[in-house]
């Protein structure tokens, strides 16, 4: 099996533990791929300031508001590659609102993005429930592997 890279680009002012989150992203890409029977290729996680992230949301989706995550899929020969763009301001605000660590919320958003790439949506209440169940499942897996 071909090896594909996972990369994290922090374009925000937030300080992140790059190697830690890179390990988490690599783990969840493999585990979600196996769990959903999909083949993932390269994965880029990009953390952006609010204005840049909102600009992407407006340009590509026509939504003129802030959101936590944008996920873009690129399929090549049945291999799902992806880019996950995370809004640093919403990430920080969510961690405070839900009273979790910054690292926990970043892990949740990485998992959320990979789940989108695996085919899960979160438009309806039922879809959001399924998404949340899977986020929690993979957060527990991350924790069981000693990452949290």
N, C-alpha and C. Protein backbone atom coordinates (compact mmCIF):
# COMPACT_ATOMS: atom_id res chain seq x y z
N UNK A 1 0.85 -1.18 0.00
CA UNK A 1 0.00 0.00 0.00
C UNK A 1 0.89 1.24 0.00
N UNK A 2 0.51 2.19 -0.80
CA UNK A 2 1.27 3.43 -0.90
C UNK A 2 1.12 4.27 0.37
N UNK A 3 2.19 4.95 0.75
CA UNK A 3 2.16 5.82 1.92
C UNK A 3 1.89 7.25 1.48
N UNK A 4 0.94 7.88 2.12
CA UNK A 4 0.56 9.25 1.78
C UNK A 4 0.85 10.17 2.96
N UNK A 5 1.26 11.40 2.68
CA UNK A 5 1.61 12.31 3.78
C UNK A 5 0.39 12.92 4.48
N UNK A 6 0.61 13.26 5.73
CA UNK A 6 -0.31 14.08 6.50
C UNK A 6 0.50 15.30 6.91
N UNK A 7 -0.04 16.48 6.65
CA UNK A 7 0.68 17.71 7.01
C UNK A 7 -0.26 18.67 7.71
N UNK A 8 0.30 19.44 8.63
CA UNK A 8 -0.45 20.47 9.33
C UNK A 8 0.26 21.80 9.11
N UNK A 9 -0.51 22.79 8.69
CA UNK A 9 0.01 24.13 8.45
C UNK A 9 -0.71 25.09 9.39
N UNK A 10 0.03 25.74 10.24
CA UNK A 10 -0.57 26.69 11.17
C UNK A 10 -0.31 28.11 10.67
N UNK A 11 -1.31 28.71 10.07
CA UNK A 11 -1.20 30.07 9.55
C UNK A 11 -1.77 31.09 10.52
N UNK A 12 -2.15 30.63 11.71
CA UNK A 12 -2.74 31.50 12.72
C UNK A 12 -1.69 31.92 13.74
N UNK A 13 -2.13 32.72 14.71
CA UNK A 13 -1.26 33.14 15.80
C UNK A 13 -1.26 32.15 16.96
N UNK A 14 -2.10 31.12 16.89
CA UNK A 14 -2.17 30.14 17.97
C UNK A 14 -0.92 29.27 17.99
N UNK A 15 -0.47 28.95 19.17
CA UNK A 15 0.64 28.02 19.31
C UNK A 15 0.06 26.62 19.46
N UNK A 16 0.47 25.74 18.58
CA UNK A 16 -0.02 24.36 18.66
C UNK A 16 1.15 23.41 18.80
N UNK A 17 0.87 22.24 19.34
CA UNK A 17 1.88 21.18 19.45
C UNK A 17 1.84 20.40 18.13
N UNK A 18 2.64 20.84 17.18
CA UNK A 18 2.57 20.34 15.81
C UNK A 18 2.74 18.83 15.72
N UNK A 19 3.78 18.28 16.32
CA UNK A 19 4.03 16.84 16.22
C UNK A 19 2.92 16.02 16.86
N UNK A 20 2.41 16.50 17.98
CA UNK A 20 1.30 15.82 18.67
C UNK A 20 0.08 15.75 17.76
N UNK A 21 -0.34 16.88 17.21
CA UNK A 21 -1.55 16.89 16.37
C UNK A 21 -1.31 16.18 15.04
N UNK A 22 -0.08 16.19 14.55
CA UNK A 22 0.26 15.43 13.35
C UNK A 22 0.09 13.93 13.61
N UNK A 23 0.52 13.48 14.79
CA UNK A 23 0.34 12.07 15.17
C UNK A 23 -1.13 11.71 15.29
N UNK A 24 -1.91 12.61 15.90
CA UNK A 24 -3.35 12.37 16.03
C UNK A 24 -4.00 12.31 14.65
N UNK A 25 -3.68 13.24 13.77
CA UNK A 25 -4.27 13.26 12.43
C UNK A 25 -3.91 11.99 11.65
N UNK A 26 -2.69 11.53 11.79
CA UNK A 26 -2.26 10.31 11.11
C UNK A 26 -3.02 9.10 11.64
N UNK A 27 -3.17 9.02 12.96
CA UNK A 27 -3.90 7.92 13.58
C UNK A 27 -5.36 7.91 13.14
N UNK A 28 -6.05 9.06 13.23
CA UNK A 28 -7.48 9.06 12.91
C UNK A 28 -7.72 8.85 11.42
N UNK A 29 -6.82 9.32 10.58
CA UNK A 29 -6.99 9.04 9.14
C UNK A 29 -6.98 7.53 8.91
N UNK A 30 -6.04 6.82 9.54
CA UNK A 30 -5.95 5.37 9.36
C UNK A 30 -7.16 4.66 9.97
N UNK A 31 -7.55 5.04 11.19
CA UNK A 31 -8.64 4.36 11.88
C UNK A 31 -9.99 4.62 11.22
N UNK A 32 -10.24 5.85 10.82
CA UNK A 32 -11.51 6.17 10.15
C UNK A 32 -11.54 5.52 8.78
N UNK A 33 -10.42 5.50 8.08
CA UNK A 33 -10.37 4.82 6.79
C UNK A 33 -10.75 3.35 6.92
N UNK A 34 -10.18 2.70 7.94
CA UNK A 34 -10.50 1.30 8.18
C UNK A 34 -11.96 1.14 8.61
N UNK A 35 -12.42 1.99 9.51
CA UNK A 35 -13.78 1.88 10.03
C UNK A 35 -14.86 2.14 8.98
N UNK A 36 -14.56 3.01 8.02
CA UNK A 36 -15.54 3.35 6.99
C UNK A 36 -15.23 2.69 5.65
N UNK A 37 -14.20 1.85 5.65
CA UNK A 37 -13.79 1.12 4.45
C UNK A 37 -13.53 2.06 3.26
N UNK A 38 -12.75 3.11 3.54
CA UNK A 38 -12.34 4.02 2.48
C UNK A 38 -10.82 4.11 2.48
N UNK A 39 -10.27 4.46 1.33
CA UNK A 39 -8.83 4.62 1.21
C UNK A 39 -8.52 6.11 1.17
N UNK A 40 -7.78 6.56 2.18
CA UNK A 40 -7.37 7.96 2.23
C UNK A 40 -5.97 8.12 1.66
N UNK A 41 -5.79 9.22 0.96
CA UNK A 41 -4.48 9.61 0.46
C UNK A 41 -3.92 10.71 1.34
N UNK A 42 -3.36 11.71 0.68
CA UNK A 42 -2.76 12.81 1.43
C UNK A 42 -3.83 13.60 2.16
N UNK A 43 -3.40 14.21 3.27
CA UNK A 43 -4.30 15.02 4.09
C UNK A 43 -3.55 16.25 4.56
N UNK A 44 -4.12 17.41 4.29
CA UNK A 44 -3.58 18.67 4.80
C UNK A 44 -4.57 19.27 5.78
N UNK A 45 -4.07 19.66 6.94
CA UNK A 45 -4.87 20.38 7.93
C UNK A 45 -4.27 21.78 8.01
N UNK A 46 -5.10 22.78 7.75
CA UNK A 46 -4.63 24.17 7.70
C UNK A 46 -5.42 24.97 8.73
N UNK A 47 -4.69 25.58 9.66
CA UNK A 47 -5.32 26.40 10.70
C UNK A 47 -5.16 27.85 10.29
N UNK A 48 -6.29 28.53 10.10
CA UNK A 48 -6.31 29.89 9.57
C UNK A 48 -6.91 30.88 10.56
N UNK A 49 -6.49 32.14 10.47
CA UNK A 49 -7.18 33.20 11.22
C UNK A 49 -8.62 33.34 10.72
N UNK A 50 -9.47 33.92 11.55
CA UNK A 50 -10.90 34.04 11.25
C UNK A 50 -11.17 34.71 9.90
N UNK A 51 -10.53 35.83 9.61
CA UNK A 51 -10.81 36.54 8.36
C UNK A 51 -10.47 35.70 7.14
N UNK A 52 -9.34 35.02 7.16
CA UNK A 52 -8.95 34.19 6.02
C UNK A 52 -9.90 33.01 5.86
N UNK A 53 -10.26 32.39 6.97
CA UNK A 53 -11.18 31.24 6.94
C UNK A 53 -12.56 31.66 6.43
N UNK A 54 -13.05 32.78 6.93
CA UNK A 54 -14.36 33.29 6.49
C UNK A 54 -14.32 33.66 5.01
N UNK A 55 -13.19 34.17 4.56
CA UNK A 55 -13.03 34.46 3.13
C UNK A 55 -13.16 33.21 2.28
N UNK A 56 -12.57 32.10 2.73
CA UNK A 56 -12.73 30.83 2.02
C UNK A 56 -14.19 30.39 2.02
N UNK A 57 -14.83 30.51 3.16
CA UNK A 57 -16.23 30.13 3.28
C UNK A 57 -17.09 30.93 2.30
N UNK A 58 -16.80 32.21 2.18
CA UNK A 58 -17.56 33.06 1.26
C UNK A 58 -17.23 32.71 -0.20
N UNK A 59 -15.94 32.58 -0.51
CA UNK A 59 -15.51 32.31 -1.89
C UNK A 59 -15.99 30.98 -2.43
N UNK A 60 -15.89 29.92 -1.62
CA UNK A 60 -16.17 28.59 -2.12
C UNK A 60 -17.58 28.10 -1.84
N UNK A 61 -18.19 28.59 -0.76
CA UNK A 61 -19.54 28.11 -0.43
C UNK A 61 -20.60 29.20 -0.47
N UNK A 62 -20.18 30.45 -0.64
CA UNK A 62 -21.13 31.54 -0.68
C UNK A 62 -21.72 31.90 0.66
N UNK A 63 -21.08 31.43 1.75
CA UNK A 63 -21.56 31.71 3.10
C UNK A 63 -20.73 32.84 3.69
N UNK A 64 -21.38 33.94 4.01
CA UNK A 64 -20.65 35.11 4.52
C UNK A 64 -20.69 35.16 6.04
N UNK A 65 -20.16 34.09 6.66
CA UNK A 65 -20.10 34.03 8.12
C UNK A 65 -18.97 33.08 8.53
N UNK A 66 -18.61 33.18 9.79
CA UNK A 66 -17.57 32.31 10.35
C UNK A 66 -18.14 30.92 10.62
N UNK A 67 -17.29 29.93 10.45
CA UNK A 67 -17.63 28.55 10.78
C UNK A 67 -16.37 27.90 11.33
N UNK A 68 -16.52 26.73 11.94
CA UNK A 68 -15.35 26.11 12.55
C UNK A 68 -14.44 25.40 11.57
N UNK A 69 -15.03 24.77 10.55
CA UNK A 69 -14.23 23.91 9.68
C UNK A 69 -14.80 23.91 8.26
N UNK A 70 -13.90 23.84 7.30
CA UNK A 70 -14.24 23.64 5.90
C UNK A 70 -13.44 22.43 5.42
N UNK A 71 -14.08 21.53 4.71
CA UNK A 71 -13.41 20.32 4.24
C UNK A 71 -13.57 20.22 2.73
N UNK A 72 -12.44 20.01 2.05
CA UNK A 72 -12.45 19.86 0.60
C UNK A 72 -11.87 18.51 0.24
N UNK A 73 -12.57 17.80 -0.62
CA UNK A 73 -12.21 16.44 -1.02
C UNK A 73 -11.69 16.43 -2.45
N UNK A 74 -10.63 15.67 -2.68
CA UNK A 74 -10.05 15.50 -4.01
C UNK A 74 -9.86 14.00 -4.21
N UNK A 75 -10.67 13.39 -5.08
CA UNK A 75 -10.60 11.95 -5.29
C UNK A 75 -9.78 11.68 -6.55
N UNK A 76 -8.79 10.79 -6.38
CA UNK A 76 -7.95 10.36 -7.49
C UNK A 76 -7.86 8.84 -7.46
N UNK A 77 -8.38 8.19 -8.51
CA UNK A 77 -8.32 6.72 -8.61
C UNK A 77 -8.82 6.05 -7.32
N UNK A 78 -9.98 6.43 -6.85
CA UNK A 78 -10.62 5.85 -5.66
C UNK A 78 -9.87 6.11 -4.36
N UNK A 79 -8.92 7.03 -4.36
CA UNK A 79 -8.22 7.45 -3.15
C UNK A 79 -8.73 8.83 -2.78
N UNK A 80 -9.17 8.98 -1.53
CA UNK A 80 -9.73 10.25 -1.06
C UNK A 80 -8.63 11.08 -0.41
N UNK A 81 -8.28 12.17 -1.06
CA UNK A 81 -7.35 13.15 -0.51
C UNK A 81 -8.18 14.29 0.04
N UNK A 82 -7.61 15.04 0.97
CA UNK A 82 -8.42 16.12 1.51
C UNK A 82 -7.64 17.24 2.15
N UNK A 83 -8.32 18.36 2.21
CA UNK A 83 -7.83 19.54 2.91
C UNK A 83 -8.89 19.94 3.93
N UNK A 84 -8.43 20.13 5.16
CA UNK A 84 -9.31 20.53 6.25
C UNK A 84 -8.82 21.90 6.72
N UNK A 85 -9.69 22.90 6.61
CA UNK A 85 -9.36 24.26 7.04
C UNK A 85 -10.09 24.54 8.34
N UNK A 86 -9.32 24.90 9.37
CA UNK A 86 -9.87 25.12 10.71
C UNK A 86 -9.74 26.59 11.07
N UNK A 87 -10.83 27.18 11.56
CA UNK A 87 -10.86 28.58 11.96
C UNK A 87 -10.30 28.69 13.39
N UNK A 88 -9.16 29.35 13.55
CA UNK A 88 -8.49 29.41 14.85
C UNK A 88 -9.33 30.13 15.91
N UNK A 89 -10.07 31.16 15.51
CA UNK A 89 -10.90 31.90 16.47
C UNK A 89 -12.05 31.03 16.97
N UNK A 90 -12.73 30.35 16.05
CA UNK A 90 -13.85 29.48 16.44
C UNK A 90 -13.32 28.29 17.25
N UNK A 91 -12.17 27.78 16.88
CA UNK A 91 -11.54 26.70 17.65
C UNK A 91 -11.33 27.12 19.11
N UNK A 92 -10.74 28.28 19.29
CA UNK A 92 -10.47 28.79 20.63
C UNK A 92 -11.77 29.05 21.40
N UNK A 93 -12.74 29.69 20.73
CA UNK A 93 -14.03 29.99 21.36
C UNK A 93 -14.79 28.72 21.74
N UNK A 94 -14.76 27.71 20.86
CA UNK A 94 -15.44 26.45 21.15
C UNK A 94 -14.83 25.75 22.36
N UNK A 95 -13.51 25.76 22.44
CA UNK A 95 -12.84 25.12 23.58
C UNK A 95 -13.30 25.77 24.89
N UNK A 96 -13.40 27.10 24.89
CA UNK A 96 -13.87 27.79 26.09
C UNK A 96 -15.34 27.47 26.37
N UNK A 97 -16.18 27.54 25.34
CA UNK A 97 -17.61 27.31 25.51
C UNK A 97 -17.91 25.90 26.03
N UNK A 98 -17.22 24.90 25.49
CA UNK A 98 -17.49 23.51 25.88
C UNK A 98 -16.60 23.03 27.03
N UNK A 99 -15.80 23.97 27.54
CA UNK A 99 -14.93 23.70 28.69
C UNK A 99 -14.05 22.47 28.47
N UNK A 100 -13.40 22.46 27.32
CA UNK A 100 -12.42 21.43 27.00
C UNK A 100 -11.10 22.12 26.67
N UNK A 101 -10.04 21.34 26.67
CA UNK A 101 -8.74 21.92 26.33
C UNK A 101 -8.71 22.29 24.84
N UNK A 102 -7.86 23.22 24.55
CA UNK A 102 -7.62 23.62 23.16
C UNK A 102 -7.23 22.40 22.33
N UNK A 103 -6.36 21.55 22.88
CA UNK A 103 -5.89 20.36 22.17
C UNK A 103 -7.05 19.41 21.87
N UNK A 104 -7.94 19.23 22.85
CA UNK A 104 -9.09 18.36 22.67
C UNK A 104 -9.97 18.88 21.54
N UNK A 105 -10.24 20.17 21.52
CA UNK A 105 -11.11 20.74 20.48
C UNK A 105 -10.45 20.65 19.11
N UNK A 106 -9.15 20.87 19.03
CA UNK A 106 -8.45 20.73 17.75
C UNK A 106 -8.52 19.28 17.28
N UNK A 107 -8.33 18.33 18.19
CA UNK A 107 -8.46 16.92 17.81
C UNK A 107 -9.86 16.62 17.30
N UNK A 108 -10.88 17.15 17.98
CA UNK A 108 -12.26 16.93 17.55
C UNK A 108 -12.48 17.49 16.13
N UNK A 109 -11.94 18.65 15.86
CA UNK A 109 -12.14 19.24 14.53
C UNK A 109 -11.39 18.46 13.45
N UNK A 110 -10.21 17.96 13.77
CA UNK A 110 -9.49 17.12 12.81
C UNK A 110 -10.31 15.86 12.53
N UNK A 111 -10.81 15.22 13.58
CA UNK A 111 -11.65 14.04 13.42
C UNK A 111 -12.90 14.38 12.60
N UNK A 112 -13.53 15.50 12.91
CA UNK A 112 -14.74 15.95 12.20
C UNK A 112 -14.45 16.07 10.70
N UNK A 113 -13.34 16.69 10.36
CA UNK A 113 -12.98 16.85 8.96
C UNK A 113 -12.73 15.52 8.26
N UNK A 114 -12.03 14.60 8.92
CA UNK A 114 -11.77 13.29 8.32
C UNK A 114 -13.07 12.51 8.17
N UNK A 115 -13.98 12.65 9.13
CA UNK A 115 -15.30 12.01 8.99
C UNK A 115 -16.07 12.56 7.79
N UNK A 116 -15.96 13.87 7.55
CA UNK A 116 -16.57 14.44 6.33
C UNK A 116 -15.97 13.77 5.10
N UNK A 117 -14.65 13.62 5.08
CA UNK A 117 -14.00 12.99 3.93
C UNK A 117 -14.45 11.54 3.75
N UNK A 118 -14.79 10.88 4.87
CA UNK A 118 -15.27 9.49 4.82
C UNK A 118 -16.73 9.40 4.38
N UNK A 119 -17.40 10.55 4.25
CA UNK A 119 -18.76 10.55 3.73
C UNK A 119 -19.84 10.99 4.70
N UNK A 120 -19.48 11.30 5.95
CA UNK A 120 -20.50 11.77 6.89
C UNK A 120 -20.81 13.24 6.65
N UNK A 121 -22.08 13.58 6.84
CA UNK A 121 -22.53 14.96 6.75
C UNK A 121 -23.10 15.39 8.09
N UNK A 122 -23.40 16.68 8.20
CA UNK A 122 -23.96 17.18 9.47
C UNK A 122 -24.97 18.30 9.22
N UNK A 123 -25.75 18.14 8.16
CA UNK A 123 -26.75 19.15 7.82
C UNK A 123 -28.04 19.00 8.61
N UNK A 124 -28.49 17.77 8.81
CA UNK A 124 -29.73 17.54 9.55
C UNK A 124 -29.40 17.18 11.00
N UNK A 125 -30.42 17.20 11.84
CA UNK A 125 -30.22 16.83 13.25
C UNK A 125 -29.76 15.37 13.36
N UNK A 126 -30.35 14.50 12.58
CA UNK A 126 -29.96 13.09 12.60
C UNK A 126 -28.50 12.92 12.16
N UNK A 127 -28.10 13.63 11.11
CA UNK A 127 -26.71 13.57 10.65
C UNK A 127 -25.75 14.12 11.71
N UNK A 128 -26.15 15.20 12.37
CA UNK A 128 -25.32 15.77 13.44
C UNK A 128 -25.15 14.78 14.59
N UNK A 129 -26.22 14.06 14.93
CA UNK A 129 -26.14 13.05 15.99
C UNK A 129 -25.15 11.95 15.62
N UNK A 130 -25.22 11.48 14.38
CA UNK A 130 -24.30 10.43 13.91
C UNK A 130 -22.87 10.97 13.91
N UNK A 131 -22.69 12.21 13.47
CA UNK A 131 -21.37 12.82 13.46
C UNK A 131 -20.80 12.90 14.87
N UNK A 132 -21.61 13.39 15.81
CA UNK A 132 -21.15 13.53 17.19
C UNK A 132 -20.79 12.18 17.80
N UNK A 133 -21.60 11.16 17.55
CA UNK A 133 -21.29 9.81 18.05
C UNK A 133 -19.93 9.34 17.52
N UNK A 134 -19.68 9.58 16.24
CA UNK A 134 -18.41 9.17 15.66
C UNK A 134 -17.25 10.03 16.15
N UNK A 135 -17.47 11.32 16.31
CA UNK A 135 -16.41 12.17 16.89
C UNK A 135 -16.01 11.64 18.27
N UNK A 136 -17.00 11.34 19.09
CA UNK A 136 -16.72 10.85 20.44
C UNK A 136 -16.01 9.50 20.40
N UNK A 137 -16.42 8.63 19.50
CA UNK A 137 -15.78 7.32 19.36
C UNK A 137 -14.29 7.49 19.05
N UNK A 138 -13.97 8.35 18.10
CA UNK A 138 -12.57 8.50 17.69
C UNK A 138 -11.78 9.34 18.69
N UNK A 139 -12.43 10.26 19.40
CA UNK A 139 -11.75 10.95 20.50
C UNK A 139 -11.37 9.96 21.60
N UNK A 140 -12.26 9.03 21.89
CA UNK A 140 -11.96 8.00 22.89
C UNK A 140 -10.80 7.13 22.43
N UNK A 141 -10.76 6.81 21.14
CA UNK A 141 -9.65 6.04 20.60
C UNK A 141 -8.34 6.80 20.76
N UNK A 142 -8.35 8.09 20.43
CA UNK A 142 -7.16 8.92 20.58
C UNK A 142 -6.70 8.90 22.04
N UNK A 143 -7.66 9.04 22.94
CA UNK A 143 -7.34 9.02 24.36
C UNK A 143 -6.77 7.67 24.80
N UNK A 144 -7.35 6.59 24.28
CA UNK A 144 -6.88 5.25 24.65
C UNK A 144 -5.46 4.98 24.17
N UNK A 145 -5.06 5.68 23.13
CA UNK A 145 -3.69 5.54 22.59
C UNK A 145 -2.71 6.46 23.30
N UNK A 146 -3.19 7.18 24.34
CA UNK A 146 -2.31 8.02 25.14
C UNK A 146 -2.08 9.42 24.62
N UNK A 147 -2.95 9.88 23.72
CA UNK A 147 -2.75 11.21 23.14
C UNK A 147 -3.41 12.33 23.94
N UNK A 148 -4.27 12.01 24.93
CA UNK A 148 -4.94 13.09 25.63
C UNK A 148 -4.82 12.94 27.12
